[in-house]
C-alpha atoms as a PDB file:
ATOM      1  CA  UNK A   1     113.716  68.819 122.710  1.00  0.00           C
ATOM      2  CA  UNK A   2     110.851  69.476 120.272  1.00  0.00           C
ATOM      3  CA  UNK A   3     111.238  72.794 118.427  1.00  0.00           C
ATOM      4  CA  UNK A   4     108.506  74.719 116.669  1.00  0.00           C
ATOM      5  CA  UNK A   5     107.143  78.120 115.672  1.00  0.00           C
ATOM      6  CA  UNK A   6     106.049  80.368 118.545  1.00  0.00           C
ATOM      7  CA  UNK A   7     105.067  83.403 116.484  1.00  0.00           C
ATOM      8  CA  UNK A   8     104.940  84.673 112.898  1.00  0.00           C
ATOM      9  CA  UNK A   9     105.094  88.071 111.216  1.00  0.00           C
ATOM     10  CA  UNK A  10     105.207  89.605 107.755  1.00  0.00           C
ATOM     11  CA  UNK A  11     105.726  92.934 106.043  1.00  0.00           C
ATOM     12  CA  UNK A  12     104.947  94.117 102.533  1.00  0.00           C
ATOM     13  CA  UNK A  13     105.973  97.496 101.088  1.00  0.00           C
ATOM     14  CA  UNK A  14     103.100  99.796 100.179  1.00  0.00           C
ATOM     15  CA  UNK A  15     103.855 100.251  96.489  1.00  0.00           C
ATOM     16  CA  UNK A  16     102.179  97.804  94.110  1.00  0.00           C
ATOM     17  CA  UNK A  17     103.704  97.184  90.679  1.00  0.00           C
ATOM     18  CA  UNK A  18     100.882  95.800  88.540  1.00  0.00           C
ATOM     19  CA  UNK A  19     101.041  93.949  85.249  1.00  0.00           C
ATOM     20  CA  UNK A  20      99.367  96.936  83.623  1.00  0.00           C
ATOM     21  CA  UNK A  21     102.219  99.169  84.731  1.00  0.00           C
ATOM     22  CA  UNK A  22     104.766  96.674  83.419  1.00  0.00           C
ATOM     23  CA  UNK A  23     103.011  96.841  80.049  1.00  0.00           C
ATOM     24  CA  UNK A  24     104.228 100.453  79.818  1.00  0.00           C
ATOM     25  CA  UNK A  25     107.810  99.454  80.671  1.00  0.00           C
ATOM     26  CA  UNK A  26     108.541  96.362  78.552  1.00  0.00           C
ATOM     27  CA  UNK A  27     106.935  94.404  75.738  1.00  0.00           C
ATOM     28  CA  UNK A  28     104.500  92.238  77.694  1.00  0.00           C
ATOM     29  CA  UNK A  29     100.844  92.105  78.694  1.00  0.00           C
ATOM     30  CA  UNK A  30      98.703  91.124  81.655  1.00  0.00           C
ATOM     31  CA  UNK A  31      97.232  88.000  80.043  1.00  0.00           C
ATOM     32  CA  UNK A  32     100.673  86.648  79.089  1.00  0.00           C
ATOM     33  CA  UNK A  33     102.062  87.197  82.603  1.00  0.00           C
ATOM     34  CA  UNK A  34      99.048  85.729  84.425  1.00  0.00           C
ATOM     35  CA  UNK A  35      98.815  82.692  82.145  1.00  0.00           C
ATOM     36  CA  UNK A  36     102.485  81.776  82.481  1.00  0.00           C
ATOM     37  CA  UNK A  37     103.249  82.817  86.050  1.00  0.00           C
ATOM     38  CA  UNK A  38     100.020  83.482  87.966  1.00  0.00           C
ATOM     39  CA  UNK A  39     101.330  86.911  89.016  1.00  0.00           C
ATOM     40  CA  UNK A  40      99.080  89.987  88.880  1.00  0.00           C
ATOM     41  CA  UNK A  41     101.090  92.398  91.018  1.00  0.00           C
ATOM     42  CA  UNK A  42     104.161  92.552  93.231  1.00  0.00           C
ATOM     43  CA  UNK A  43     105.291  94.865  96.046  1.00  0.00           C
ATOM     44  CA  UNK A  44     108.234  97.243  95.613  1.00  0.00           C
ATOM     45  CA  UNK A  45     110.261  98.743  98.471  1.00  0.00           C
ATOM     46  CA  UNK A  46     110.393 102.525  98.768  1.00  0.00           C
ATOM     47  CA  UNK A  47     113.596 104.313  97.806  1.00  0.00           C
ATOM     48  CA  UNK A  48     114.563 104.747 101.451  1.00  0.00           C
ATOM     49  CA  UNK A  49     113.839 101.112 102.410  1.00  0.00           C
ATOM     50  CA  UNK A  50     116.485  98.400 102.519  1.00  0.00           C
ATOM     51  CA  UNK A  51     116.210  94.700 103.331  1.00  0.00           C
ATOM     52  CA  UNK A  52     116.906  95.282 107.028  1.00  0.00           C
ATOM     53  CA  UNK A  53     113.957  97.698 107.218  1.00  0.00           C
ATOM     54  CA  UNK A  54     111.555  95.111 105.816  1.00  0.00           C
ATOM     55  CA  UNK A  55     113.041  92.417 108.060  1.00  0.00           C
ATOM     56  CA  UNK A  56     112.637  94.634 111.125  1.00  0.00           C
ATOM     57  CA  UNK A  57     108.920  95.202 110.524  1.00  0.00           C
ATOM     58  CA  UNK A  58     108.221  91.481 110.105  1.00  0.00           C
ATOM     59  CA  UNK A  59     110.338  90.676 113.171  1.00  0.00           C
ATOM     60  CA  UNK A  60     108.417  93.066 115.417  1.00  0.00           C
ATOM     61  CA  UNK A  61     105.209  91.249 114.502  1.00  0.00           C
ATOM     62  CA  UNK A  62     106.752  87.814 115.094  1.00  0.00           C
ATOM     63  CA  UNK A  63     108.075  88.815 118.521  1.00  0.00           C
ATOM     64  CA  UNK A  64     104.680  90.196 119.535  1.00  0.00           C
ATOM     65  CA  UNK A  65     102.931  87.015 118.370  1.00  0.00           C
ATOM     66  CA  UNK A  66     105.438  84.874 120.289  1.00  0.00           C
ATOM     67  CA  UNK A  67     104.946  86.934 123.430  1.00  0.00           C
ATOM     68  CA  UNK A  68     108.630  87.659 123.988  1.00  0.00           C
ATOM     69  CA  UNK A  69     110.801  90.766 123.905  1.00  0.00           C
ATOM     70  CA  UNK A  70     113.785  91.411 121.671  1.00  0.00           C
ATOM     71  CA  UNK A  71     116.272  91.137 124.526  1.00  0.00           C
ATOM     72  CA  UNK A  72     115.133  87.542 125.096  1.00  0.00           C
ATOM     73  CA  UNK A  73     116.389  86.493 121.656  1.00  0.00           C
ATOM     74  CA  UNK A  74     119.539  84.364 121.620  1.00  0.00           C
ATOM     75  CA  UNK A  75     120.107  84.356 117.857  1.00  0.00           C
ATOM     76  CA  UNK A  76     118.931  86.166 114.725  1.00  0.00           C
ATOM     77  CA  UNK A  77     119.272  84.500 111.316  1.00  0.00           C
ATOM     78  CA  UNK A  78     118.388  86.568 108.254  1.00  0.00           C
ATOM     79  CA  UNK A  79     117.968  84.571 105.053  1.00  0.00           C
ATOM     80  CA  UNK A  80     118.528  86.822 102.042  1.00  0.00           C
ATOM     81  CA  UNK A  81     120.320  87.300  98.726  1.00  0.00           C
ATOM     82  CA  UNK A  82     119.786  91.061  98.839  1.00  0.00           C
ATOM     83  CA  UNK A  83     121.590  92.209 101.995  1.00  0.00           C
ATOM     84  CA  UNK A  84     121.868  95.888 102.775  1.00  0.00           C
ATOM     85  CA  UNK A  85     125.604  95.565 102.071  1.00  0.00           C
ATOM     86  CA  UNK A  86     128.355  92.913 101.966  1.00  0.00           C
ATOM     87  CA  UNK A  87     129.035  93.457 105.652  1.00  0.00           C
ATOM     88  CA  UNK A  88     128.050  93.911 108.372  1.00  0.00           C
ATOM     89  CA  UNK A  89     125.382  91.273 107.997  1.00  0.00           C
ATOM     90  CA  UNK A  90     121.774  92.318 107.615  1.00  0.00           C
ATOM     91  CA  UNK A  91     121.102  90.256 110.750  1.00  0.00           C
ATOM     92  CA  UNK A  92     123.388  92.560 112.739  1.00  0.00           C
ATOM     93  CA  UNK A  93     121.511  95.579 111.408  1.00  0.00           C
ATOM     94  CA  UNK A  94     118.208  93.971 112.416  1.00  0.00           C
ATOM     95  CA  UNK A  95     119.635  93.157 115.845  1.00  0.00           C
ATOM     96  CA  UNK A  96     120.461  96.834 116.376  1.00  0.00           C
ATOM     97  CA  UNK A  97     117.056  98.026 115.127  1.00  0.00           C
ATOM     98  CA  UNK A  98     115.267  95.599 117.456  1.00  0.00           C
ATOM     99  CA  UNK A  99     117.499  96.252 120.442  1.00  0.00           C
ATOM    100  CA  UNK A 100     118.192  92.521 120.679  1.00  0.00           C
ATOM    101  CA  UNK A 101     121.401  93.116 122.628  1.00  0.00           C
ATOM    102  CA  UNK A 102     121.779  89.501 123.781  1.00  0.00           C
ATOM    103  CA  UNK A 103     121.457  87.873 120.356  1.00  0.00           C
ATOM    104  CA  UNK A 104     124.148  86.522 118.088  1.00  0.00           C
ATOM    105  CA  UNK A 105     123.416  87.361 114.450  1.00  0.00           C
ATOM    106  CA  UNK A 106     124.348  86.242 110.957  1.00  0.00           C
ATOM    107  CA  UNK A 107     123.021  86.037 107.398  1.00  0.00           C
ATOM    108  CA  UNK A 108     122.341  82.844 105.458  1.00  0.00           C
ATOM    109  CA  UNK A 109     122.425  82.700 101.663  1.00  0.00           C
ATOM    110  CA  UNK A 110     120.561  79.903  99.893  1.00  0.00           C
ATOM    111  CA  UNK A 111     118.408  82.042  97.580  1.00  0.00           C
ATOM    112  CA  UNK A 112     114.734  81.001  97.490  1.00  0.00           C
ATOM    113  CA  UNK A 113     115.488  77.949  99.673  1.00  0.00           C
ATOM    114  CA  UNK A 114     117.007  80.217 102.308  1.00  0.00           C
ATOM    115  CA  UNK A 115     114.140  80.205 104.776  1.00  0.00           C
ATOM    116  CA  UNK A 116     114.014  76.390 104.956  1.00  0.00           C
ATOM    117  CA  UNK A 117     117.797  76.291 105.376  1.00  0.00           C
ATOM    118  CA  UNK A 118     117.482  78.909 108.109  1.00  0.00           C
ATOM    119  CA  UNK A 119     114.813  76.951 109.963  1.00  0.00           C
ATOM    120  CA  UNK A 120     116.925  73.785 109.893  1.00  0.00           C
ATOM    121  CA  UNK A 121     119.968  75.673 111.074  1.00  0.00           C
ATOM    122  CA  UNK A 122     118.242  77.572 113.872  1.00  0.00           C
ATOM    123  CA  UNK A 123     116.147  74.698 115.182  1.00  0.00           C
ATOM    124  CA  UNK A 124     119.315  72.664 115.701  1.00  0.00           C
ATOM    125  CA  UNK A 125     120.638  75.208 118.204  1.00  0.00           C
ATOM    126  CA  UNK A 126     117.431  75.005 120.216  1.00  0.00           C
ATOM    127  CA  UNK A 127     117.214  71.209 120.063  1.00  0.00           C
ATOM    128  CA  UNK A 128     120.765  70.984 121.447  1.00  0.00           C
ATOM    129  CA  UNK A 129     119.921  73.355 124.278  1.00  0.00           C
ATOM    130  CA  UNK A 130     122.373  76.000 123.062  1.00  0.00           C
ATOM    131  CA  UNK A 131     119.678  78.669 122.611  1.00  0.00           C
ATOM    132  CA  UNK A 132     116.112  79.167 123.833  1.00  0.00           C
ATOM    133  CA  UNK A 133     114.659  81.650 121.338  1.00  0.00           C
ATOM    134  CA  UNK A 134     115.778  82.178 117.741  1.00  0.00           C
ATOM    135  CA  UNK A 135     114.413  84.669 115.214  1.00  0.00           C
ATOM    136  CA  UNK A 136     114.529  83.469 111.594  1.00  0.00           C
ATOM    137  CA  UNK A 137     113.732  86.031 108.908  1.00  0.00           C
ATOM    138  CA  UNK A 138     113.355  85.712 105.151  1.00  0.00           C
ATOM    139  CA  UNK A 139     113.685  89.181 103.630  1.00  0.00           C
ATOM    140  CA  UNK A 140     114.364  90.472 100.124  1.00  0.00           C
ATOM    141  CA  UNK A 141     114.452  93.666  98.093  1.00  0.00           C
ATOM    142  CA  UNK A 142     114.692  91.937  94.730  1.00  0.00           C
ATOM    143  CA  UNK A 143     113.648  95.116  92.936  1.00  0.00           C
ATOM    144  CA  UNK A 144     117.198  96.375  93.581  1.00  0.00           C
ATOM    145  CA  UNK A 145     118.727  93.587  91.463  1.00  0.00           C
ATOM    146  CA  UNK A 146     116.027  93.345  88.779  1.00  0.00           C
ATOM    147  CA  UNK A 147     116.603  94.658  85.267  1.00  0.00           C
ATOM    148  CA  UNK A 148     113.353  96.356  84.329  1.00  0.00           C
ATOM    149  CA  UNK A 149     114.276  96.256  80.642  1.00  0.00           C
ATOM    150  CA  UNK A 150     114.413  92.435  80.700  1.00  0.00           C
ATOM    151  CA  UNK A 151     110.849  91.213  80.189  1.00  0.00           C
ATOM    152  CA  UNK A 152     111.799  87.627  81.076  1.00  0.00           C
ATOM    153  CA  UNK A 153     112.734  88.459  84.660  1.00  0.00           C
ATOM    154  CA  UNK A 154     111.205  91.819  85.618  1.00  0.00           C
ATOM    155  CA  UNK A 155     107.685  90.380  85.638  1.00  0.00           C
ATOM    156  CA  UNK A 156     108.589  87.832  88.331  1.00  0.00           C
ATOM    157  CA  UNK A 157     110.098  89.454  91.390  1.00  0.00           C
ATOM    158  CA  UNK A 158     108.851  91.457  94.351  1.00  0.00           C
ATOM    159  CA  UNK A 159     109.971  92.675  97.777  1.00  0.00           C
ATOM    160  CA  UNK A 160     108.856  91.611 101.241  1.00  0.00           C
ATOM    161  CA  UNK A 161     109.770  89.940 104.522  1.00  0.00           C
ATOM    162  CA  UNK A 162     108.466  87.189 106.761  1.00  0.00           C
ATOM    163  CA  UNK A 163     109.704  86.172 110.205  1.00  0.00           C
ATOM    164  CA  UNK A 164     109.219  83.454 112.803  1.00  0.00           C
ATOM    165  CA  UNK A 165     110.323  83.016 116.398  1.00  0.00           C
ATOM    166  CA  UNK A 166     111.402  79.452 117.153  1.00  0.00           C
ATOM    167  CA  UNK A 167     111.428  77.848 120.564  1.00  0.00           C
ATOM    168  CA  UNK A 168     110.546  74.737 122.522  1.00  0.00           C
ATOM    169  CA  UNK A 169     107.058  73.316 121.957  1.00  0.00           C
ATOM    170  CA  UNK A 170     105.107  70.435 123.546  1.00  0.00           C
ATOM    171  CA  UNK A 171     106.055  66.845 122.761  1.00  0.00           C
ATOM    172  CA  UNK A 172     104.634  65.700 119.448  1.00  0.00           C
ATOM    173  CA  UNK A 173     104.590  69.215 118.025  1.00  0.00           C
ATOM    174  CA  UNK A 174     107.175  71.133 116.019  1.00  0.00           C
ATOM    175  CA  UNK A 175     109.566  70.175 113.251  1.00  0.00           C
ATOM    176  CA  UNK A 176     109.507  66.506 112.325  1.00  0.00           C
ATOM    177  CA  UNK A 177     112.019  66.511 109.476  1.00  0.00           C
ATOM    178  CA  UNK A 178     114.211  68.595 107.185  1.00  0.00           C
ATOM    179  CA  UNK A 179     115.403  67.649 103.721  1.00  0.00           C
ATOM    180  CA  UNK A 180     118.030  69.991 102.282  1.00  0.00           C
ATOM    181  CA  UNK A 181     119.878  69.645  98.998  1.00  0.00           C
ATOM    182  CA  UNK A 182     122.169  71.434  96.570  1.00  0.00           C
ATOM    183  CA  UNK A 183     123.547  70.989  93.066  1.00  0.00           C
ATOM    184  CA  UNK A 184     126.317  73.461  92.369  1.00  0.00           C
ATOM    185  CA  UNK A 185     126.591  72.325  88.751  1.00  0.00           C
ATOM    186  CA  UNK A 186     123.486  74.430  88.116  1.00  0.00           C
ATOM    187  CA  UNK A 187     124.931  77.549  89.691  1.00  0.00           C
ATOM    188  CA  UNK A 188     125.000  79.368  86.360  1.00  0.00           C
ATOM    189  CA  UNK A 189     121.249  78.969  85.785  1.00  0.00           C
ATOM    190  CA  UNK A 190     120.278  81.789  88.132  1.00  0.00           C
ATOM    191  CA  UNK A 191     122.818  84.229  89.549  1.00  0.00           C
ATOM    192  CA  UNK A 192     124.211  87.748  89.744  1.00  0.00           C
ATOM    193  CA  UNK A 193     127.561  87.584  87.908  1.00  0.00           C
ATOM    194  CA  UNK A 194     129.056  90.893  89.032  1.00  0.00           C
ATOM    195  CA  UNK A 195     130.017  92.482  92.313  1.00  0.00           C
ATOM    196  CA  UNK A 196     131.870  89.633  93.982  1.00  0.00           C
ATOM    197  CA  UNK A 197     135.495  88.537  93.927  1.00  0.00           C
ATOM    198  CA  UNK A 198     135.095  86.875  90.513  1.00  0.00           C
ATOM    199  CA  UNK A 199     133.904  90.038  88.758  1.00  0.00           C
ATOM    200  CA  UNK A 200     134.501  92.991  91.092  1.00  0.00           C
ATOM    201  CA  UNK A 201     132.442  96.095  90.493  1.00  0.00           C
ATOM    202  CA  UNK A 202     133.831  98.261  87.701  1.00  0.00           C
ATOM    203  CA  UNK A 203     132.398 100.741  85.238  1.00  0.00           C
ATOM    204  CA  UNK A 204     132.444  97.913  82.682  1.00  0.00           C
ATOM    205  CA  UNK A 205     130.501  95.393  84.820  1.00  0.00           C
ATOM    206  CA  UNK A 206     127.896  98.039  85.583  1.00  0.00           C
ATOM    207  CA  UNK A 207     127.567  99.020  81.912  1.00  0.00           C
ATOM    208  CA  UNK A 208     127.188  95.352  80.941  1.00  0.00           C
ATOM    209  CA  UNK A 209     124.400  94.773  83.462  1.00  0.00           C
ATOM    210  CA  UNK A 210     126.390  92.214  85.437  1.00  0.00           C
ATOM    211  CA  UNK A 211     124.855  93.379  88.712  1.00  0.00           C
ATOM    212  CA  UNK A 212     121.330  92.370  87.747  1.00  0.00           C
ATOM    213  CA  UNK A 213     119.778  88.980  88.358  1.00  0.00           C
ATOM    214  CA  UNK A 214     120.187  86.559  85.448  1.00  0.00           C
ATOM    215  CA  UNK A 215     118.015  83.464  85.015  1.00  0.00           C
ATOM    216  CA  UNK A 216     117.769  80.668  82.480  1.00  0.00           C
ATOM    217  CA  UNK A 217     114.027  80.362  82.920  1.00  0.00           C
ATOM    218  CA  UNK A 218     113.499  77.198  80.898  1.00  0.00           C
ATOM    219  CA  UNK A 219     116.072  75.095  82.752  1.00  0.00           C
ATOM    220  CA  UNK A 220     115.143  76.485  86.172  1.00  0.00           C
ATOM    221  CA  UNK A 221     111.514  75.585  85.465  1.00  0.00           C
ATOM    222  CA  UNK A 222     112.432  71.986  84.584  1.00  0.00           C
ATOM    223  CA  UNK A 223     114.502  71.688  87.756  1.00  0.00           C
ATOM    224  CA  UNK A 224     111.765  73.166  89.931  1.00  0.00           C
ATOM    225  CA  UNK A 225     109.006  70.893  88.617  1.00  0.00           C
ATOM    226  CA  UNK A 226     111.168  67.872  89.351  1.00  0.00           C
ATOM    227  CA  UNK A 227     112.478  68.894  92.759  1.00  0.00           C
ATOM    228  CA  UNK A 228     109.493  70.514  94.526  1.00  0.00           C
ATOM    229  CA  UNK A 229     107.310  67.446  94.801  1.00  0.00           C
ATOM    230  CA  UNK A 230     110.267  65.115  95.264  1.00  0.00           C
ATOM    231  CA  UNK A 231     111.723  67.063  98.190  1.00  0.00           C
ATOM    232  CA  UNK A 232     108.324  67.219  99.882  1.00  0.00           C
ATOM    233  CA  UNK A 233     107.909  63.465  99.501  1.00  0.00           C
ATOM    234  CA  UNK A 234     111.341  62.818 101.017  1.00  0.00           C
ATOM    235  CA  UNK A 235     110.618  65.085 103.990  1.00  0.00           C
ATOM    236  CA  UNK A 236     107.318  63.280 104.570  1.00  0.00           C
ATOM    237  CA  UNK A 237     109.039  59.898 104.460  1.00  0.00           C
ATOM    238  CA  UNK A 238     111.663  61.076 106.955  1.00  0.00           C
ATOM    239  CA  UNK A 239     108.826  62.135 109.280  1.00  0.00           C
ATOM    240  CA  UNK A 240     107.072  58.793 108.907  1.00  0.00           C
ATOM    241  CA  UNK A 241     104.137  60.397 107.118  1.00  0.00           C
ATOM    242  CA  UNK A 242     102.465  60.100 103.719  1.00  0.00           C
ATOM    243  CA  UNK A 243     100.803  62.431 101.231  1.00  0.00           C
ATOM    244  CA  UNK A 244      97.393  61.891 102.820  1.00  0.00           C
ATOM    245  CA  UNK A 245      98.723  63.292 106.114  1.00  0.00           C
ATOM    246  CA  UNK A 246      99.281  66.814 104.729  1.00  0.00           C
ATOM    247  CA  UNK A 247      96.903  69.418 106.128  1.00  0.00           C
ATOM    248  CA  UNK A 248      98.572  72.394 104.437  1.00  0.00           C
ATOM    249  CA  UNK A 249     101.310  72.807 101.829  1.00  0.00           C
ATOM    250  CA  UNK A 250     103.267  76.061 101.756  1.00  0.00           C
ATOM    251  CA  UNK A 251     105.439  76.081  98.622  1.00  0.00           C
ATOM    252  CA  UNK A 252     107.877  78.687  97.427  1.00  0.00           C
ATOM    253  CA  UNK A 253     105.881  81.136  95.318  1.00  0.00           C
ATOM    254  CA  UNK A 254     107.861  81.212  92.070  1.00  0.00           C
ATOM    255  CA  UNK A 255     105.390  80.228  89.373  1.00  0.00           C
ATOM    256  CA  UNK A 256     101.788  79.006  89.544  1.00  0.00           C
ATOM    257  CA  UNK A 257     102.523  76.155  87.149  1.00  0.00           C
ATOM    258  CA  UNK A 258     105.346  74.883  89.360  1.00  0.00           C
ATOM    259  CA  UNK A 259     103.072  75.074  92.398  1.00  0.00           C
ATOM    260  CA  UNK A 260     100.313  73.204  90.564  1.00  0.00           C
ATOM    261  CA  UNK A 261     102.739  70.456  89.532  1.00  0.00           C
ATOM    262  CA  UNK A 262     103.716  69.932  93.174  1.00  0.00           C
ATOM    263  CA  UNK A 263     100.056  69.878  94.251  1.00  0.00           C
ATOM    264  CA  UNK A 264      99.292  67.241  91.619  1.00  0.00           C
ATOM    265  CA  UNK A 265     102.282  65.091  92.562  1.00  0.00           C
ATOM    266  CA  UNK A 266     101.247  65.171  96.214  1.00  0.00           C
ATOM    267  CA  UNK A 267      97.597  64.413  95.323  1.00  0.00           C
ATOM    268  CA  UNK A 268      96.373  67.467  97.206  1.00  0.00           C
ATOM    269  CA  UNK A 269      93.207  69.468  96.643  1.00  0.00           C
ATOM    270  CA  UNK A 270      94.157  73.059  95.853  1.00  0.00           C
ATOM    271  CA  UNK A 271      92.469  74.326  99.028  1.00  0.00           C
ATOM    272  CA  UNK A 272      95.216  72.564 101.013  1.00  0.00           C
ATOM    273  CA  UNK A 273      97.888  74.725  99.347  1.00  0.00           C
ATOM    274  CA  UNK A 274      98.769  78.294 100.358  1.00  0.00           C
ATOM    275  CA  UNK A 275      99.006  80.432  97.229  1.00  0.00           C
ATOM    276  CA  UNK A 276      99.674  84.179  97.211  1.00  0.00           C
ATOM    277  CA  UNK A 277     101.885  84.531  94.132  1.00  0.00           C
ATOM    278  CA  UNK A 278      99.190  86.573  92.409  1.00  0.00           C
ATOM    279  CA  UNK A 279      99.658  89.385  94.961  1.00  0.00           C
ATOM    280  CA  UNK A 280     103.390  89.264  95.669  1.00  0.00           C
ATOM    281  CA  UNK A 281     105.242  87.545  92.849  1.00  0.00           C
ATOM    282  CA  UNK A 282     108.468  85.721  93.679  1.00  0.00           C
ATOM    283  CA  UNK A 283     109.968  87.108  96.910  1.00  0.00           C
ATOM    284  CA  UNK A 284     112.778  84.533  97.108  1.00  0.00           C
ATOM    285  CA  UNK A 285     113.564  83.728 100.773  1.00  0.00           C
ATOM    286  CA  UNK A 286     110.588  85.807 101.935  1.00  0.00           C
ATOM    287  CA  UNK A 287     107.881  83.929 100.043  1.00  0.00           C
ATOM    288  CA  UNK A 288     107.413  80.944 102.384  1.00  0.00           C
ATOM    289  CA  UNK A 289     107.428  82.884 105.689  1.00  0.00           C
ATOM    290  CA  UNK A 290     105.018  85.478 104.290  1.00  0.00           C
ATOM    291  CA  UNK A 291     102.663  82.711 103.136  1.00  0.00           C
ATOM    292  CA  UNK A 292     102.997  81.040 106.548  1.00  0.00           C
ATOM    293  CA  UNK A 293     102.160  84.272 108.374  1.00  0.00           C
ATOM    294  CA  UNK A 294      99.118  84.783 106.142  1.00  0.00           C
ATOM    295  CA  UNK A 295      97.932  81.219 106.801  1.00  0.00           C
ATOM    296  CA  UNK A 296      98.125  81.909 110.531  1.00  0.00           C
ATOM    297  CA  UNK A 297      96.251  85.221 110.159  1.00  0.00           C
ATOM    298  CA  UNK A 298      93.529  83.541 108.104  1.00  0.00           C
ATOM    299  CA  UNK A 299      93.051  80.754 110.639  1.00  0.00           C
ATOM    300  CA  UNK A 300      94.114  78.031 108.212  1.00  0.00           C
ATOM    301  CA  UNK A 301      96.272  76.275 110.818  1.00  0.00           C
ATOM    302  CA  UNK A 302      95.026  74.642 114.017  1.00  0.00           C
ATOM    303  CA  UNK A 303      96.944  72.776 116.681  1.00  0.00           C
ATOM    304  CA  UNK A 304      98.072  69.365 115.478  1.00  0.00           C
ATOM    305  CA  UNK A 305      97.906  70.207 111.762  1.00  0.00           C
ATOM    306  CA  UNK A 306     100.711  68.755 109.652  1.00  0.00           C
ATOM    307  CA  UNK A 307     102.344  71.401 107.503  1.00  0.00           C
ATOM    308  CA  UNK A 308     104.805  70.895 104.655  1.00  0.00           C
ATOM    309  CA  UNK A 309     107.008  73.789 103.529  1.00  0.00           C
ATOM    310  CA  UNK A 310     109.098  73.328 100.389  1.00  0.00           C
ATOM    311  CA  UNK A 311     111.234  75.581  98.215  1.00  0.00           C
ATOM    312  CA  UNK A 312     113.937  75.681  95.562  1.00  0.00           C
ATOM    313  CA  UNK A 313     116.335  78.337  94.406  1.00  0.00           C
ATOM    314  CA  UNK A 314     119.648  79.459  93.012  1.00  0.00           C
ATOM    315  CA  UNK A 315     122.688  77.426  93.867  1.00  0.00           C
ATOM    316  CA  UNK A 316     120.955  75.274  92.864  1.00  0.00           C
ATOM    317  CA  UNK A 317     119.378  74.569  96.247  1.00  0.00           C
ATOM    318  CA  UNK A 318     116.224  73.038  97.623  1.00  0.00           C
ATOM    319  CA  UNK A 319     114.675  72.339 100.990  1.00  0.00           C
ATOM    320  CA  UNK A 320     111.568  70.859 102.580  1.00  0.00           C
ATOM    321  CA  UNK A 321     110.308  70.529 106.115  1.00  0.00           C
ATOM    322  CA  UNK A 322     107.439  68.834 107.923  1.00  0.00           C
ATOM    323  CA  UNK A 323     106.036  70.711 110.906  1.00  0.00           C
ATOM    324  CA  UNK A 324     103.269  69.726 113.316  1.00  0.00           C
ATOM    325  CA  UNK A 325     101.554  72.960 114.358  1.00  0.00           C
END
């Protein structure tokens, strides 16, 4: 059966961390950050907020937009690299907060590609008739794993959450294709070395900063420029569509230059691309669903529009999807 998006939601923490504030924390400046990344500010979760709290707020909005109640959900998938804790899953915590007593729940980890992976995973259950309604959430509190003495990474990341409810849609609507990929040989380009079974948490790993996000920015940039446009093209081909058929592109919001390279490769005018990196920075798995929710709020999508979502992330991973609205 055709599967699509029934409702969207988003949540952003109140606190804004501006480039001007970062100038007082590390050796950087607003012009340098904007020129190289396109970011002007990012949102930071409050001290008493965890990923499940952000995910909950976005989920409430998505459920309301879809016109269903939490107890109608069959499954909750939370895509995140910043779970509240190792276990239970953040999805289980969201289930409890929502009162979604009939839903199965689990987390999915594919870094910034996580939301696309989650959509592909969840839509399969509905297409097979296993479930009727699935909540997919991309939520991150990246500020918790960011080293604010490292000027190469602290300027990039922000916190937020976006959510969608998936269900059956009319024939000819919904997801037309998914293209997922991974290259584990690049796993060392962006990661958190400490805290797992390889380097368990010790006083030494904490002192050495092993629990902060590490990124080889130059190599990740090269990978992203190559993969973003390519993955989108493959997803379009799988759907039997071409570049001229795109009504709206929603890319992962990692770097304005990477986004612009994808727009150029797909021969799109910039007004056909959703861009909010200037206000949120890189929110990993949350960036695409937040941009999608904003596009819906702004009336940028009408029935029958062909939407391409594409992202890349640690793993290395990438994913793209074509959706008829």
